[in-house]
Amino acid sequence: MFPEIQRVLYTRDQIAERVRTLADEMVIDLKADLAKDGHTELDEDRVIIIPIMTGAMIFVADVVRELPMKLSLGLVAVSSYPGESVRSKGAHFATELPTNLGGKHIIVLDDILDSGQTLALVKEMIAKQNPASLRLGVMLDKQTDRTVDVHVDYVGFEIPDEFVVGYGLDYNGYYRNYPQIAVLDQSAIPKR
C-alpha cells in the first residue's frame, strides 16, 4: 500500500501509548496552573490548545481526547515546508493567530520540531497577548542543528535527522494518513 516507506520508526501502539503519557503530563501541569489562579477544577474555560496545522491535526485529535477537561481549540496554520521541500524554508503565518489568549492557559502542539522557526514564531506572537501560561509540545523532536533555539515542554519521540512521514506528517501533501511514523525512501523524493 505504501511502497515508498523505507522503515517504520514508531508503530501505532507506540504512538498511542506515548500520546496518553503526554496528555497525563499536560493534565498535571494544567491543574497546577489553574490552582495558581485559585481554581481547583479542570472544567474551567481557560484552557486553549493551539494546533499548528496541518501536520499536527492527527496528533492533536488524539491528545485532546485524552484531556478530561473543558477546553477550546484555536487553530493556526504556519507554512515552512512548501510543496516538495524536505527542509524548512522559513516560517510564516498562513492564517491569523487567535486573539483571545490573554489570561488563558495555552498549549501549542506541533507535529515536529526541526529548525525551531515555527514554534519560536508562534510562541513569540502568543506571548504578546499575555497568556496566564504558555507551553509547547511536539510529537517529534528531530535531532538536527536548529536555526532557532526554542524550549519544548512536551516531546513524544526523538528521531534522527531523516525525512519522516505519517501520523499527520506529509511529503508534498501525501502520507498524512499513514498510521505510523516512518522514514520516506529517498527514491520517492525527486532529485532537484
N, C-alpha and C. Protein backbone atom coordinates (compact mmCIF):
# COMPACT_ATOMS: atom_id res chain seq x y z
N MET A 1 0.81 -1.19 0.00
CA MET A 1 0.00 0.00 0.00
C MET A 1 0.86 1.26 0.00
N PHE A 2 1.96 1.27 0.74
CA PHE A 2 2.88 2.41 0.80
C PHE A 2 4.30 1.91 0.52
N PRO A 3 4.60 1.58 -0.73
CA PRO A 3 5.91 1.01 -1.03
C PRO A 3 7.06 2.00 -0.83
N GLU A 4 6.75 3.31 -0.73
CA GLU A 4 7.79 4.31 -0.57
C GLU A 4 8.32 4.40 0.87
N ILE A 5 7.71 3.67 1.78
CA ILE A 5 8.14 3.69 3.17
C ILE A 5 9.41 2.86 3.30
N GLN A 6 10.46 3.49 3.78
CA GLN A 6 11.74 2.79 3.94
C GLN A 6 11.75 1.94 5.21
N ARG A 7 11.37 2.56 6.34
CA ARG A 7 11.29 1.81 7.60
C ARG A 7 10.43 2.58 8.59
N VAL A 8 9.78 1.84 9.46
CA VAL A 8 8.92 2.41 10.49
C VAL A 8 9.76 2.74 11.72
N LEU A 9 9.59 3.96 12.22
CA LEU A 9 10.29 4.36 13.44
C LEU A 9 9.42 4.10 14.67
N TYR A 10 8.10 4.43 14.55
CA TYR A 10 7.19 4.24 15.67
C TYR A 10 5.87 3.69 15.16
N THR A 11 5.39 2.64 15.82
CA THR A 11 4.15 1.97 15.42
C THR A 11 2.93 2.67 16.01
N ARG A 12 1.76 2.26 15.54
CA ARG A 12 0.50 2.79 16.08
C ARG A 12 0.42 2.64 17.59
N ASP A 13 0.77 1.45 18.08
CA ASP A 13 0.67 1.18 19.51
C ASP A 13 1.65 2.06 20.31
N GLN A 14 2.86 2.21 19.81
CA GLN A 14 3.83 3.06 20.49
C GLN A 14 3.35 4.52 20.53
N ILE A 15 2.79 4.98 19.43
CA ILE A 15 2.28 6.34 19.35
C ILE A 15 1.12 6.53 20.33
N ALA A 16 0.18 5.60 20.34
CA ALA A 16 -0.99 5.71 21.22
C ALA A 16 -0.56 5.76 22.69
N GLU A 17 0.37 4.92 23.07
CA GLU A 17 0.84 4.90 24.46
C GLU A 17 1.54 6.21 24.81
N ARG A 18 2.35 6.72 23.92
CA ARG A 18 3.06 7.97 24.19
C ARG A 18 2.10 9.15 24.26
N VAL A 19 1.09 9.18 23.42
CA VAL A 19 0.09 10.25 23.47
C VAL A 19 -0.61 10.25 24.82
N ARG A 20 -0.96 9.09 25.33
CA ARG A 20 -1.61 9.02 26.65
C ARG A 20 -0.70 9.58 27.74
N THR A 21 0.58 9.25 27.67
CA THR A 21 1.54 9.74 28.65
C THR A 21 1.70 11.25 28.57
N LEU A 22 1.79 11.78 27.34
CA LEU A 22 1.89 13.23 27.17
C LEU A 22 0.66 13.94 27.72
N ALA A 23 -0.51 13.40 27.44
CA ALA A 23 -1.75 14.00 27.95
C ALA A 23 -1.76 14.01 29.48
N ASP A 24 -1.30 12.93 30.09
CA ASP A 24 -1.22 12.89 31.55
C ASP A 24 -0.30 13.99 32.08
N GLU A 25 0.83 14.20 31.41
CA GLU A 25 1.77 15.27 31.81
C GLU A 25 1.10 16.64 31.67
N MET A 26 0.36 16.84 30.60
CA MET A 26 -0.33 18.11 30.38
C MET A 26 -1.37 18.37 31.46
N VAL A 27 -2.11 17.32 31.86
CA VAL A 27 -3.13 17.47 32.90
C VAL A 27 -2.49 17.90 34.22
N ILE A 28 -1.38 17.29 34.58
CA ILE A 28 -0.68 17.66 35.82
C ILE A 28 -0.29 19.13 35.78
N ASP A 29 0.28 19.57 34.67
CA ASP A 29 0.71 20.97 34.54
C ASP A 29 -0.48 21.92 34.54
N LEU A 30 -1.55 21.57 33.84
CA LEU A 30 -2.72 22.44 33.79
C LEU A 30 -3.40 22.55 35.15
N LYS A 31 -3.45 21.45 35.90
CA LYS A 31 -4.00 21.50 37.26
C LYS A 31 -3.20 22.48 38.11
N ALA A 32 -1.88 22.41 38.00
CA ALA A 32 -1.02 23.33 38.77
C ALA A 32 -1.24 24.77 38.33
N ASP A 33 -1.35 25.00 37.03
CA ASP A 33 -1.58 26.36 36.51
C ASP A 33 -2.91 26.91 37.00
N LEU A 34 -3.95 26.10 36.93
CA LEU A 34 -5.27 26.56 37.37
C LEU A 34 -5.30 26.80 38.88
N ALA A 35 -4.57 25.97 39.64
CA ALA A 35 -4.50 26.15 41.09
C ALA A 35 -3.84 27.49 41.43
N LYS A 36 -2.83 27.87 40.66
CA LYS A 36 -2.18 29.18 40.89
C LYS A 36 -3.18 30.31 40.70
N ASP A 37 -4.16 30.10 39.84
CA ASP A 37 -5.20 31.11 39.59
C ASP A 37 -6.33 31.02 40.61
N GLY A 38 -6.22 30.07 41.55
CA GLY A 38 -7.27 29.91 42.56
C GLY A 38 -8.39 28.97 42.14
N HIS A 39 -8.20 28.21 41.08
CA HIS A 39 -9.22 27.27 40.61
C HIS A 39 -8.78 25.85 40.96
N THR A 40 -9.74 25.04 41.39
CA THR A 40 -9.40 23.67 41.77
C THR A 40 -9.94 22.64 40.81
N GLU A 41 -10.75 23.06 39.88
CA GLU A 41 -11.38 22.12 38.95
C GLU A 41 -10.76 22.23 37.56
N LEU A 42 -10.81 21.12 36.84
CA LEU A 42 -10.31 21.11 35.47
C LEU A 42 -11.36 21.55 34.46
N ASP A 43 -12.54 21.90 34.91
CA ASP A 43 -13.58 22.28 33.96
C ASP A 43 -13.66 23.79 33.73
N GLU A 44 -12.64 24.50 34.12
CA GLU A 44 -12.59 25.94 33.84
C GLU A 44 -12.45 26.15 32.34
N ASP A 45 -12.98 27.25 31.86
CA ASP A 45 -12.94 27.53 30.42
C ASP A 45 -11.72 28.39 30.06
N ARG A 46 -10.60 28.08 30.67
CA ARG A 46 -9.41 28.90 30.48
C ARG A 46 -8.30 28.17 29.76
N VAL A 47 -8.55 26.97 29.25
CA VAL A 47 -7.53 26.18 28.58
C VAL A 47 -7.78 26.22 27.07
N ILE A 48 -6.74 26.59 26.33
CA ILE A 48 -6.83 26.62 24.87
C ILE A 48 -5.67 25.81 24.30
N ILE A 49 -6.00 24.85 23.48
CA ILE A 49 -5.00 24.08 22.75
C ILE A 49 -4.89 24.69 21.36
N ILE A 50 -3.66 25.01 20.95
CA ILE A 50 -3.45 25.60 19.63
C ILE A 50 -2.66 24.63 18.77
N PRO A 51 -3.34 23.92 17.87
CA PRO A 51 -2.64 23.05 16.94
C PRO A 51 -2.05 23.88 15.80
N ILE A 52 -0.85 23.51 15.40
CA ILE A 52 -0.26 24.12 14.21
C ILE A 52 -0.59 23.20 13.04
N MET A 53 -1.43 23.71 12.16
CA MET A 53 -1.95 22.93 11.05
C MET A 53 -0.99 22.96 9.87
N THR A 54 -1.00 21.95 9.07
CA THR A 54 -1.93 20.85 9.04
C THR A 54 -1.29 19.60 9.66
N GLY A 55 -0.01 19.63 9.83
CA GLY A 55 0.71 18.45 10.30
C GLY A 55 0.28 17.92 11.65
N ALA A 56 -0.14 18.80 12.55
CA ALA A 56 -0.45 18.38 13.92
C ALA A 56 -1.88 17.88 14.09
N MET A 57 -2.68 17.86 13.03
CA MET A 57 -4.10 17.57 13.20
C MET A 57 -4.37 16.19 13.82
N ILE A 58 -3.68 15.18 13.41
CA ILE A 58 -3.93 13.84 13.95
C ILE A 58 -3.42 13.73 15.38
N PHE A 59 -2.23 14.25 15.62
CA PHE A 59 -1.64 14.28 16.96
C PHE A 59 -2.57 15.00 17.94
N VAL A 60 -3.04 16.18 17.56
CA VAL A 60 -3.90 16.96 18.44
C VAL A 60 -5.24 16.26 18.67
N ALA A 61 -5.80 15.67 17.64
CA ALA A 61 -7.07 14.94 17.81
C ALA A 61 -6.91 13.84 18.86
N ASP A 62 -5.79 13.14 18.81
CA ASP A 62 -5.56 12.07 19.79
C ASP A 62 -5.31 12.63 21.19
N VAL A 63 -4.54 13.72 21.29
CA VAL A 63 -4.25 14.31 22.60
C VAL A 63 -5.51 14.84 23.27
N VAL A 64 -6.31 15.62 22.56
CA VAL A 64 -7.46 16.25 23.21
C VAL A 64 -8.49 15.22 23.69
N ARG A 65 -8.56 14.09 23.04
CA ARG A 65 -9.47 13.04 23.51
C ARG A 65 -9.01 12.44 24.83
N GLU A 66 -7.75 12.67 25.18
CA GLU A 66 -7.20 12.16 26.44
C GLU A 66 -7.22 13.21 27.55
N LEU A 67 -7.65 14.43 27.26
CA LEU A 67 -7.66 15.51 28.26
C LEU A 67 -9.05 15.63 28.86
N PRO A 68 -9.22 15.29 30.15
CA PRO A 68 -10.54 15.25 30.79
C PRO A 68 -10.96 16.62 31.33
N MET A 69 -11.07 17.61 30.46
CA MET A 69 -11.38 18.96 30.91
C MET A 69 -12.05 19.75 29.81
N LYS A 70 -12.66 20.83 30.23
CA LYS A 70 -13.24 21.76 29.28
C LYS A 70 -12.09 22.54 28.64
N LEU A 71 -12.06 22.56 27.31
CA LEU A 71 -11.02 23.30 26.61
C LEU A 71 -11.54 23.74 25.26
N SER A 72 -10.82 24.64 24.65
CA SER A 72 -11.18 25.04 23.29
C SER A 72 -9.94 24.93 22.41
N LEU A 73 -10.19 24.92 21.12
CA LEU A 73 -9.10 24.85 20.15
C LEU A 73 -9.00 26.18 19.43
N GLY A 74 -7.78 26.61 19.20
CA GLY A 74 -7.52 27.82 18.43
C GLY A 74 -6.54 27.49 17.33
N LEU A 75 -7.04 27.18 16.17
CA LEU A 75 -6.21 26.70 15.07
C LEU A 75 -5.34 27.80 14.47
N VAL A 76 -4.15 27.44 14.07
CA VAL A 76 -3.27 28.34 13.34
C VAL A 76 -2.51 27.53 12.29
N ALA A 77 -2.31 28.12 11.15
CA ALA A 77 -1.53 27.46 10.09
C ALA A 77 -0.26 28.26 9.88
N VAL A 78 0.85 27.54 9.90
CA VAL A 78 2.16 28.14 9.66
C VAL A 78 2.81 27.32 8.58
N SER A 79 3.32 27.97 7.58
CA SER A 79 3.96 27.27 6.46
C SER A 79 5.48 27.35 6.61
N SER A 80 6.12 26.18 6.49
CA SER A 80 7.59 26.17 6.50
C SER A 80 8.16 25.12 5.55
N TYR A 81 7.34 24.18 5.09
CA TYR A 81 7.77 23.14 4.16
C TYR A 81 6.88 23.15 2.93
N PRO A 82 6.96 24.17 2.09
CA PRO A 82 6.05 24.22 0.94
C PRO A 82 6.33 23.12 -0.09
N GLY A 83 5.24 22.55 -0.61
CA GLY A 83 5.35 21.59 -1.72
C GLY A 83 6.28 20.43 -1.46
N GLU A 84 7.28 20.29 -2.29
CA GLU A 84 8.18 19.14 -2.23
C GLU A 84 9.42 19.39 -1.37
N SER A 85 9.42 20.40 -0.53
CA SER A 85 10.56 20.71 0.33
C SER A 85 10.74 19.62 1.37
N VAL A 86 11.98 19.29 1.66
CA VAL A 86 12.29 18.36 2.74
C VAL A 86 13.08 19.06 3.84
N ARG A 87 13.33 20.36 3.69
CA ARG A 87 13.96 21.20 4.70
C ARG A 87 13.12 22.47 4.87
N SER A 88 13.12 23.00 6.07
CA SER A 88 12.34 24.21 6.34
C SER A 88 12.80 25.36 5.45
N LYS A 89 11.83 26.10 4.95
CA LYS A 89 12.10 27.27 4.11
C LYS A 89 11.82 28.57 4.87
N GLY A 90 11.71 28.47 6.20
CA GLY A 90 11.38 29.65 7.00
C GLY A 90 9.90 29.66 7.31
N ALA A 91 9.57 30.05 8.52
CA ALA A 91 8.18 30.00 8.97
C ALA A 91 7.47 31.33 8.73
N HIS A 92 6.22 31.22 8.27
CA HIS A 92 5.36 32.40 8.16
C HIS A 92 3.91 31.95 8.35
N PHE A 93 3.11 32.86 8.93
CA PHE A 93 1.71 32.53 9.19
C PHE A 93 0.93 32.44 7.89
N ALA A 94 0.13 31.37 7.78
CA ALA A 94 -0.76 31.21 6.64
C ALA A 94 -2.20 31.56 7.05
N THR A 95 -2.45 31.65 8.37
CA THR A 95 -3.74 32.09 8.90
C THR A 95 -3.48 33.03 10.07
N GLU A 96 -4.52 33.69 10.52
CA GLU A 96 -4.40 34.58 11.67
C GLU A 96 -4.31 33.76 12.96
N LEU A 97 -3.56 34.26 13.90
CA LEU A 97 -3.48 33.67 15.23
C LEU A 97 -4.73 34.07 16.01
N PRO A 98 -5.28 33.16 16.84
CA PRO A 98 -6.42 33.55 17.68
C PRO A 98 -6.07 34.78 18.53
N THR A 99 -7.07 35.61 18.80
CA THR A 99 -6.81 36.87 19.52
C THR A 99 -7.35 36.89 20.94
N ASN A 100 -7.88 35.78 21.41
CA ASN A 100 -8.50 35.73 22.75
C ASN A 100 -7.63 34.97 23.75
N LEU A 101 -6.31 35.14 23.72
CA LEU A 101 -5.42 34.30 24.50
C LEU A 101 -4.96 34.92 25.82
N GLY A 102 -5.22 36.20 26.02
CA GLY A 102 -4.81 36.85 27.25
C GLY A 102 -5.44 36.21 28.47
N GLY A 103 -4.60 35.92 29.48
CA GLY A 103 -5.08 35.33 30.72
C GLY A 103 -5.46 33.87 30.65
N LYS A 104 -5.27 33.25 29.51
CA LYS A 104 -5.64 31.83 29.32
C LYS A 104 -4.40 30.94 29.47
N HIS A 105 -4.65 29.66 29.65
CA HIS A 105 -3.58 28.66 29.72
C HIS A 105 -3.48 28.01 28.35
N ILE A 106 -2.36 28.21 27.69
CA ILE A 106 -2.19 27.83 26.29
C ILE A 106 -1.19 26.69 26.17
N ILE A 107 -1.56 25.69 25.37
CA ILE A 107 -0.61 24.66 24.96
C ILE A 107 -0.62 24.64 23.44
N VAL A 108 0.53 24.92 22.86
CA VAL A 108 0.71 24.88 21.41
C VAL A 108 1.26 23.50 21.06
N LEU A 109 0.61 22.82 20.11
CA LEU A 109 1.05 21.49 19.71
C LEU A 109 1.39 21.48 18.23
N ASP A 110 2.55 20.92 17.91
CA ASP A 110 3.01 20.81 16.53
C ASP A 110 3.44 19.37 16.28
N ASP A 111 3.54 19.04 15.00
CA ASP A 111 3.94 17.67 14.65
C ASP A 111 5.41 17.41 14.90
N ILE A 112 6.28 18.38 14.52
CA ILE A 112 7.71 18.11 14.57
C ILE A 112 8.49 19.38 14.89
N LEU A 113 9.51 19.24 15.72
CA LEU A 113 10.46 20.31 15.98
C LEU A 113 11.68 20.03 15.12
N ASP A 114 11.90 20.90 14.16
CA ASP A 114 13.01 20.74 13.22
C ASP A 114 13.94 21.94 13.36
N SER A 115 13.72 22.97 12.57
CA SER A 115 14.58 24.16 12.63
C SER A 115 14.30 24.99 13.88
N GLY A 116 13.08 24.89 14.43
CA GLY A 116 12.67 25.69 15.57
C GLY A 116 11.96 26.97 15.19
N GLN A 117 11.97 27.32 13.91
CA GLN A 117 11.41 28.59 13.46
C GLN A 117 9.90 28.69 13.69
N THR A 118 9.17 27.63 13.39
CA THR A 118 7.71 27.67 13.52
C THR A 118 7.30 27.90 14.97
N LEU A 119 7.81 27.09 15.88
CA LEU A 119 7.40 27.22 17.28
C LEU A 119 7.88 28.53 17.88
N ALA A 120 9.05 28.99 17.51
CA ALA A 120 9.55 30.27 18.02
C ALA A 120 8.65 31.41 17.58
N LEU A 121 8.23 31.39 16.32
CA LEU A 121 7.35 32.43 15.80
C LEU A 121 5.99 32.43 16.52
N VAL A 122 5.39 31.26 16.64
CA VAL A 122 4.09 31.15 17.30
C VAL A 122 4.20 31.55 18.77
N LYS A 123 5.23 31.08 19.45
CA LYS A 123 5.42 31.41 20.86
C LYS A 123 5.56 32.93 21.05
N GLU A 124 6.35 33.55 20.22
CA GLU A 124 6.56 35.00 20.32
C GLU A 124 5.24 35.76 20.15
N MET A 125 4.45 35.38 19.17
CA MET A 125 3.20 36.08 18.89
C MET A 125 2.16 35.85 19.99
N ILE A 126 2.12 34.64 20.54
CA ILE A 126 1.17 34.36 21.62
C ILE A 126 1.59 35.10 22.89
N ALA A 127 2.88 35.13 23.18
CA ALA A 127 3.37 35.79 24.39
C ALA A 127 2.97 37.27 24.43
N LYS A 128 2.84 37.89 23.27
CA LYS A 128 2.42 39.30 23.21
C LYS A 128 1.00 39.51 23.73
N GLN A 129 0.21 38.44 23.78
CA GLN A 129 -1.17 38.53 24.28
C GLN A 129 -1.28 38.30 25.80
N ASN A 130 -0.13 38.04 26.45
CA ASN A 130 -0.08 37.85 27.91
C ASN A 130 -0.95 36.70 28.41
N PRO A 131 -0.69 35.48 27.92
CA PRO A 131 -1.43 34.33 28.46
C PRO A 131 -1.02 34.07 29.91
N ALA A 132 -1.87 33.39 30.66
CA ALA A 132 -1.55 33.01 32.04
C ALA A 132 -0.40 32.01 32.06
N SER A 133 -0.38 31.10 31.09
CA SER A 133 0.72 30.16 30.93
C SER A 133 0.80 29.79 29.45
N LEU A 134 2.00 29.42 29.04
CA LEU A 134 2.23 29.05 27.64
C LEU A 134 3.24 27.92 27.60
N ARG A 135 2.79 26.78 27.07
CA ARG A 135 3.67 25.62 26.93
C ARG A 135 3.63 25.14 25.49
N LEU A 136 4.72 24.48 25.07
CA LEU A 136 4.85 23.96 23.72
C LEU A 136 5.02 22.45 23.77
N GLY A 137 4.41 21.76 22.79
CA GLY A 137 4.57 20.32 22.69
C GLY A 137 4.70 19.90 21.24
N VAL A 138 5.46 18.84 21.03
CA VAL A 138 5.63 18.28 19.69
C VAL A 138 5.56 16.76 19.76
N MET A 139 5.08 16.17 18.68
CA MET A 139 5.11 14.71 18.61
C MET A 139 6.54 14.23 18.40
N LEU A 140 7.28 14.95 17.55
CA LEU A 140 8.63 14.52 17.20
C LEU A 140 9.65 15.64 17.40
N ASP A 141 10.80 15.29 17.94
CA ASP A 141 11.92 16.21 18.08
C ASP A 141 13.04 15.66 17.21
N LYS A 142 13.24 16.30 16.07
CA LYS A 142 14.28 15.85 15.13
C LYS A 142 15.64 16.29 15.65
N GLN A 143 16.55 15.35 15.77
CA GLN A 143 17.89 15.63 16.26
C GLN A 143 18.73 16.23 15.14
N THR A 144 18.66 17.56 15.04
CA THR A 144 19.33 18.29 13.98
C THR A 144 19.77 19.64 14.52
N ASP A 145 20.61 20.33 13.78
CA ASP A 145 21.00 21.67 14.17
C ASP A 145 19.82 22.60 13.99
N ARG A 146 19.49 23.34 15.02
CA ARG A 146 18.37 24.26 14.95
C ARG A 146 18.87 25.64 14.52
N THR A 147 18.04 26.33 13.75
CA THR A 147 18.36 27.71 13.41
C THR A 147 17.87 28.65 14.49
N VAL A 148 16.90 28.18 15.30
CA VAL A 148 16.34 28.96 16.41
C VAL A 148 16.27 28.04 17.63
N ASP A 149 16.74 28.53 18.77
CA ASP A 149 16.68 27.75 19.99
C ASP A 149 15.31 27.97 20.64
N VAL A 150 14.56 26.91 20.83
CA VAL A 150 13.23 27.02 21.43
C VAL A 150 13.05 25.86 22.41
N HIS A 151 12.54 26.18 23.60
CA HIS A 151 12.29 25.16 24.62
C HIS A 151 10.92 24.54 24.39
N VAL A 152 10.87 23.21 24.40
CA VAL A 152 9.62 22.47 24.24
C VAL A 152 9.35 21.71 25.53
N ASP A 153 8.13 21.83 26.03
CA ASP A 153 7.76 21.21 27.31
C ASP A 153 7.38 19.75 27.19
N TYR A 154 6.79 19.38 26.05
CA TYR A 154 6.31 18.00 25.85
C TYR A 154 6.86 17.47 24.53
N VAL A 155 7.52 16.32 24.59
CA VAL A 155 8.09 15.69 23.39
C VAL A 155 7.63 14.24 23.35
N GLY A 156 7.03 13.87 22.22
CA GLY A 156 6.61 12.49 22.05
C GLY A 156 7.81 11.56 21.87
N PHE A 157 8.54 11.78 20.79
CA PHE A 157 9.69 10.95 20.48
C PHE A 157 10.80 11.79 19.87
N GLU A 158 12.03 11.37 20.09
CA GLU A 158 13.16 11.93 19.36
C GLU A 158 13.39 11.07 18.13
N ILE A 159 13.74 11.73 17.02
CA ILE A 159 14.01 11.00 15.79
C ILE A 159 15.33 11.47 15.21
N PRO A 160 15.97 10.62 14.39
CA PRO A 160 17.20 11.05 13.73
C PRO A 160 16.90 12.10 12.67
N ASP A 161 17.93 12.70 12.15
CA ASP A 161 17.80 13.75 11.13
C ASP A 161 17.51 13.10 9.78
N GLU A 162 16.28 12.59 9.66
CA GLU A 162 15.81 11.97 8.43
C GLU A 162 14.42 12.52 8.13
N PHE A 163 14.00 12.44 6.88
CA PHE A 163 12.69 12.95 6.50
C PHE A 163 11.65 11.88 6.79
N VAL A 164 10.67 12.24 7.64
CA VAL A 164 9.66 11.27 8.07
C VAL A 164 8.27 11.70 7.61
N VAL A 165 7.41 10.72 7.49
CA VAL A 165 6.02 10.93 7.10
C VAL A 165 5.13 10.07 7.98
N GLY A 166 3.83 10.31 7.86
CA GLY A 166 2.85 9.51 8.59
C GLY A 166 2.38 10.22 9.84
N TYR A 167 1.23 9.80 10.34
CA TYR A 167 0.64 10.36 11.55
C TYR A 167 0.54 11.89 11.45
N GLY A 168 0.12 12.35 10.28
CA GLY A 168 -0.07 13.78 10.05
C GLY A 168 1.05 14.45 9.28
N LEU A 169 2.23 13.87 9.29
CA LEU A 169 3.36 14.46 8.56
C LEU A 169 3.28 14.05 7.10
N ASP A 170 3.64 14.99 6.22
CA ASP A 170 3.47 14.72 4.81
C ASP A 170 4.73 14.96 4.00
N TYR A 171 4.68 14.50 2.79
CA TYR A 171 5.60 14.93 1.74
C TYR A 171 4.74 15.34 0.56
N ASN A 172 4.81 16.60 0.20
CA ASN A 172 4.07 17.15 -0.92
C ASN A 172 2.55 16.89 -0.80
N GLY A 173 2.06 16.91 0.45
CA GLY A 173 0.63 16.72 0.68
C GLY A 173 0.19 15.28 0.87
N TYR A 174 1.08 14.33 0.70
CA TYR A 174 0.73 12.91 0.80
C TYR A 174 1.34 12.28 2.05
N TYR A 175 0.83 11.12 2.41
CA TYR A 175 1.30 10.26 3.50
C TYR A 175 0.79 10.68 4.88
N ARG A 176 0.02 11.77 5.00
CA ARG A 176 -0.50 12.17 6.31
C ARG A 176 -1.33 11.05 6.93
N ASN A 177 -1.99 10.25 6.09
CA ASN A 177 -2.87 9.19 6.57
C ASN A 177 -2.13 7.90 6.91
N TYR A 178 -0.84 7.83 6.66
CA TYR A 178 -0.08 6.64 7.04
C TYR A 178 -0.12 6.57 8.57
N PRO A 179 -0.55 5.46 9.16
CA PRO A 179 -0.85 5.43 10.59
C PRO A 179 0.36 5.30 11.52
N GLN A 180 1.54 5.20 10.98
CA GLN A 180 2.74 5.08 11.79
C GLN A 180 3.69 6.22 11.40
N ILE A 181 4.78 6.36 12.15
CA ILE A 181 5.78 7.36 11.80
C ILE A 181 6.94 6.61 11.14
N ALA A 182 7.25 7.01 9.91
CA ALA A 182 8.20 6.24 9.12
C ALA A 182 9.12 7.15 8.30
N VAL A 183 10.26 6.59 7.95
CA VAL A 183 11.20 7.28 7.07
C VAL A 183 10.77 7.04 5.64
N LEU A 184 10.70 8.11 4.88
CA LEU A 184 10.35 8.02 3.47
C LEU A 184 11.58 7.67 2.66
N ASP A 185 11.45 6.67 1.80
CA ASP A 185 12.57 6.27 0.94
C ASP A 185 12.99 7.44 0.04
N GLN A 186 14.26 7.65 -0.09
CA GLN A 186 14.78 8.76 -0.89
C GLN A 186 14.35 8.67 -2.35
N SER A 187 14.04 7.47 -2.83
CA SER A 187 13.60 7.33 -4.22
C SER A 187 12.25 7.99 -4.47
N ALA A 188 11.47 8.24 -3.40
CA ALA A 188 10.18 8.90 -3.54
C ALA A 188 10.31 10.42 -3.62
N ILE A 189 11.51 10.93 -3.33
CA ILE A 189 11.76 12.36 -3.35
C ILE A 189 12.53 12.71 -4.62
N PRO A 190 11.90 13.46 -5.53
CA PRO A 190 12.58 13.80 -6.78
C PRO A 190 13.88 14.56 -6.53
N LYS A 191 14.89 14.26 -7.29
CA LYS A 191 16.16 14.97 -7.18
C LYS A 191 16.02 16.32 -7.86
N ARG A 192 16.57 17.31 -7.25
CA ARG A 192 16.48 18.68 -7.79
C ARG A 192 17.86 19.14 -8.17
